[in-house]
Amino acid sequence: MTTPDIWQKSSFSGGGDGSNCLELASTPTTLHLRESDTPATILTTTPTALANLLAGIRTLRQLG
């Protein structure tokens, strides 16, 4: 797997020294997610799979 060169920090991460941030990188067909304090661990998924996961989480939050 090729590791993306450009990572974007989440706007929800706030300021500071950049630790404890969620970072995102993308290629034409995949999304890559990592935490800034453990950058070697990368979760790779597709936009569709991530959208389905987020929709499921939103549904559970509405039911709870």
N, C-alpha and C. Protein backbone atom coordinates (compact mmCIF):
# COMPACT_ATOMS: atom_id res chain seq x y z
N MET A 1 0.84 -1.18 0.00
CA MET A 1 0.00 0.00 0.00
C MET A 1 0.89 1.24 0.00
N THR A 2 0.53 2.20 -0.81
CA THR A 2 1.25 3.47 -0.85
C THR A 2 0.65 4.42 0.18
N THR A 3 1.51 5.01 0.99
CA THR A 3 1.06 5.96 1.99
C THR A 3 0.92 7.33 1.36
N PRO A 4 -0.21 8.00 1.56
CA PRO A 4 -0.40 9.33 0.99
C PRO A 4 0.62 10.33 1.53
N ASP A 5 0.96 11.31 0.71
CA ASP A 5 1.92 12.35 1.10
C ASP A 5 1.26 13.50 1.84
N ILE A 6 0.01 13.81 1.51
CA ILE A 6 -0.65 14.99 2.06
C ILE A 6 -1.77 14.56 3.00
N TRP A 7 -1.66 14.97 4.26
CA TRP A 7 -2.66 14.67 5.28
C TRP A 7 -3.30 15.97 5.74
N GLN A 8 -4.60 15.94 5.96
CA GLN A 8 -5.33 17.11 6.44
C GLN A 8 -5.84 16.84 7.85
N LYS A 9 -5.60 17.78 8.76
CA LYS A 9 -6.04 17.64 10.14
C LYS A 9 -7.52 18.02 10.25
N SER A 10 -8.25 17.30 11.06
CA SER A 10 -9.65 17.58 11.29
C SER A 10 -9.84 18.96 11.90
N SER A 11 -10.86 19.66 11.47
CA SER A 11 -11.17 20.98 12.04
C SER A 11 -11.65 20.86 13.48
N PHE A 12 -12.05 19.66 13.90
CA PHE A 12 -12.50 19.44 15.27
C PHE A 12 -11.32 19.20 16.22
N SER A 13 -10.12 19.11 15.69
CA SER A 13 -8.95 18.80 16.52
C SER A 13 -8.46 19.99 17.34
N GLY A 14 -8.84 21.18 16.96
CA GLY A 14 -8.43 22.36 17.72
C GLY A 14 -6.99 22.74 17.45
N GLY A 15 -6.47 23.61 18.27
CA GLY A 15 -5.11 24.10 18.09
C GLY A 15 -4.12 23.28 18.88
N GLY A 16 -3.05 23.93 19.26
CA GLY A 16 -2.04 23.26 20.06
C GLY A 16 -0.91 22.73 19.22
N ASP A 17 -0.22 21.74 19.79
CA ASP A 17 0.98 21.22 19.15
C ASP A 17 0.70 20.20 18.06
N GLY A 18 -0.55 19.89 17.78
CA GLY A 18 -0.88 18.95 16.71
C GLY A 18 -1.03 17.52 17.16
N SER A 19 -0.90 17.24 18.45
CA SER A 19 -1.08 15.87 18.91
C SER A 19 -2.57 15.61 19.15
N ASN A 20 -2.93 14.34 19.20
CA ASN A 20 -4.31 13.92 19.41
C ASN A 20 -5.26 14.45 18.35
N CYS A 21 -4.85 14.39 17.11
CA CYS A 21 -5.68 14.88 16.00
C CYS A 21 -6.01 13.73 15.05
N LEU A 22 -7.19 13.81 14.48
CA LEU A 22 -7.56 12.89 13.41
C LEU A 22 -7.11 13.52 12.11
N GLU A 23 -6.42 12.74 11.28
CA GLU A 23 -5.94 13.24 10.00
C GLU A 23 -6.52 12.38 8.88
N LEU A 24 -6.77 13.00 7.73
CA LEU A 24 -7.38 12.34 6.58
C LEU A 24 -6.54 12.61 5.35
N ALA A 25 -6.38 11.59 4.54
CA ALA A 25 -5.77 11.73 3.22
C ALA A 25 -6.62 10.92 2.25
N SER A 26 -6.58 11.28 0.99
CA SER A 26 -7.40 10.54 0.04
C SER A 26 -6.65 10.31 -1.27
N THR A 27 -7.06 9.25 -1.93
CA THR A 27 -6.66 8.95 -3.29
C THR A 27 -7.96 8.88 -4.08
N PRO A 28 -7.92 8.70 -5.38
CA PRO A 28 -9.19 8.68 -6.13
C PRO A 28 -10.21 7.65 -5.66
N THR A 29 -9.77 6.54 -5.08
CA THR A 29 -10.72 5.49 -4.70
C THR A 29 -10.74 5.14 -3.22
N THR A 30 -9.85 5.72 -2.42
CA THR A 30 -9.78 5.34 -1.01
C THR A 30 -9.60 6.55 -0.10
N LEU A 31 -9.98 6.33 1.15
CA LEU A 31 -9.75 7.32 2.20
C LEU A 31 -8.81 6.68 3.22
N HIS A 32 -7.91 7.49 3.76
CA HIS A 32 -6.96 7.02 4.75
C HIS A 32 -7.12 7.87 6.00
N LEU A 33 -7.28 7.23 7.14
CA LEU A 33 -7.46 7.93 8.41
C LEU A 33 -6.37 7.49 9.38
N ARG A 34 -5.86 8.45 10.16
CA ARG A 34 -4.87 8.11 11.18
C ARG A 34 -4.96 9.12 12.31
N GLU A 35 -4.43 8.73 13.46
CA GLU A 35 -4.30 9.66 14.59
C GLU A 35 -2.89 10.22 14.53
N SER A 36 -2.74 11.51 14.81
CA SER A 36 -1.44 12.14 14.69
C SER A 36 -0.42 11.59 15.68
N ASP A 37 -0.89 11.05 16.82
CA ASP A 37 0.07 10.52 17.78
C ASP A 37 0.52 9.10 17.45
N THR A 38 -0.15 8.43 16.50
CA THR A 38 0.29 7.12 16.01
C THR A 38 0.18 7.09 14.49
N PRO A 39 1.01 7.87 13.79
CA PRO A 39 0.86 8.02 12.34
C PRO A 39 1.16 6.76 11.53
N ALA A 40 1.81 5.78 12.12
CA ALA A 40 2.10 4.55 11.38
C ALA A 40 0.88 3.65 11.25
N THR A 41 -0.14 3.87 12.09
CA THR A 41 -1.36 3.08 12.04
C THR A 41 -2.38 3.82 11.21
N ILE A 42 -2.70 3.24 10.04
CA ILE A 42 -3.58 3.91 9.08
C ILE A 42 -4.77 3.00 8.78
N LEU A 43 -5.96 3.56 8.89
CA LEU A 43 -7.19 2.87 8.51
C LEU A 43 -7.51 3.28 7.08
N THR A 44 -7.67 2.30 6.21
CA THR A 44 -7.98 2.58 4.81
C THR A 44 -9.36 2.04 4.50
N THR A 45 -10.18 2.87 3.85
CA THR A 45 -11.55 2.49 3.53
C THR A 45 -11.97 3.19 2.24
N THR A 46 -13.18 2.91 1.81
CA THR A 46 -13.73 3.60 0.64
C THR A 46 -14.70 4.68 1.11
N PRO A 47 -14.95 5.68 0.28
CA PRO A 47 -15.93 6.70 0.67
C PRO A 47 -17.31 6.10 0.98
N THR A 48 -17.74 5.12 0.22
CA THR A 48 -19.05 4.50 0.43
C THR A 48 -19.11 3.77 1.77
N ALA A 49 -18.08 3.01 2.09
CA ALA A 49 -18.07 2.28 3.35
C ALA A 49 -18.06 3.25 4.54
N LEU A 50 -17.30 4.32 4.45
CA LEU A 50 -17.27 5.30 5.55
C LEU A 50 -18.61 6.01 5.68
N ALA A 51 -19.23 6.35 4.56
CA ALA A 51 -20.55 6.99 4.61
C ALA A 51 -21.58 6.06 5.26
N ASN A 52 -21.52 4.77 4.95
CA ASN A 52 -22.45 3.81 5.56
C ASN A 52 -22.21 3.68 7.06
N LEU A 53 -20.94 3.67 7.48
CA LEU A 53 -20.63 3.61 8.90
C LEU A 53 -21.18 4.84 9.63
N LEU A 54 -20.94 6.02 9.09
CA LEU A 54 -21.42 7.25 9.71
C LEU A 54 -22.94 7.31 9.76
N ALA A 55 -23.61 6.85 8.71
CA ALA A 55 -25.07 6.81 8.70
C ALA A 55 -25.59 5.86 9.79
N GLY A 56 -24.93 4.72 9.96
CA GLY A 56 -25.32 3.79 11.01
C GLY A 56 -25.13 4.38 12.40
N ILE A 57 -24.04 5.09 12.61
CA ILE A 57 -23.79 5.74 13.90
C ILE A 57 -24.85 6.80 14.17
N ARG A 58 -25.19 7.59 13.15
CA ARG A 58 -26.23 8.62 13.33
C ARG A 58 -27.57 7.98 13.69
N THR A 59 -27.89 6.87 13.04
CA THR A 59 -29.15 6.18 13.33
C THR A 59 -29.16 5.67 14.77
N LEU A 60 -28.07 5.09 15.22
CA LEU A 60 -27.99 4.60 16.60
C LEU A 60 -28.12 5.74 17.60
N ARG A 61 -27.52 6.89 17.30
CA ARG A 61 -27.62 8.03 18.20
C ARG A 61 -29.06 8.53 18.30
N GLN A 62 -29.79 8.49 17.18
CA GLN A 62 -31.19 8.94 17.19
C GLN A 62 -32.07 7.98 17.98
N LEU A 63 -31.75 6.69 17.93
CA LEU A 63 -32.54 5.68 18.65
C LEU A 63 -32.24 5.68 20.14
N GLY A 64 -31.01 6.06 20.50
CA GLY A 64 -30.57 5.99 21.89
C GLY A 64 -31.04 7.12 22.69
